Amino acid sequence: MKEKIALNIDKELIDKAKEIAKKNNATLSKLVSDYFEKLTKIKTEISSPILNEVPEIISFKQPLDEYKKHLEEKYLQK
C-alpha cells in the first residue's frame, strides 16, 4: 500500500533531485522510495560519508562520477 508523505526540503535541492530523476527516467518519488527501501535494509550504522554509500543506495543510469562530483560541490566545497 502506498501512502503520501510531506517533507520539508530546500527547493534548490528538490529541483536538482528532479533533474537527476528525469535524466534517469524515474520520478522523484521512485528515487526517494528506493532510498528508503535500501536504508531500511542496512543492518549496521552508517559510519562513512554519504558519498561512500551512494553506489549501494541508488542505482543511477547517469555516470556515478558525475553524481559524486555534484554531491561534493553541493556539500563539501562551501
Foldseek 3Di string as FASTA:
>chain_A
DDDDDDDDDDPVVVVVLQVQQVVQVHGSVVLVVQQVVQVVPDPDDDDDDVLVCVVVRDPGPPDSVVVSVVCCVVPPPD
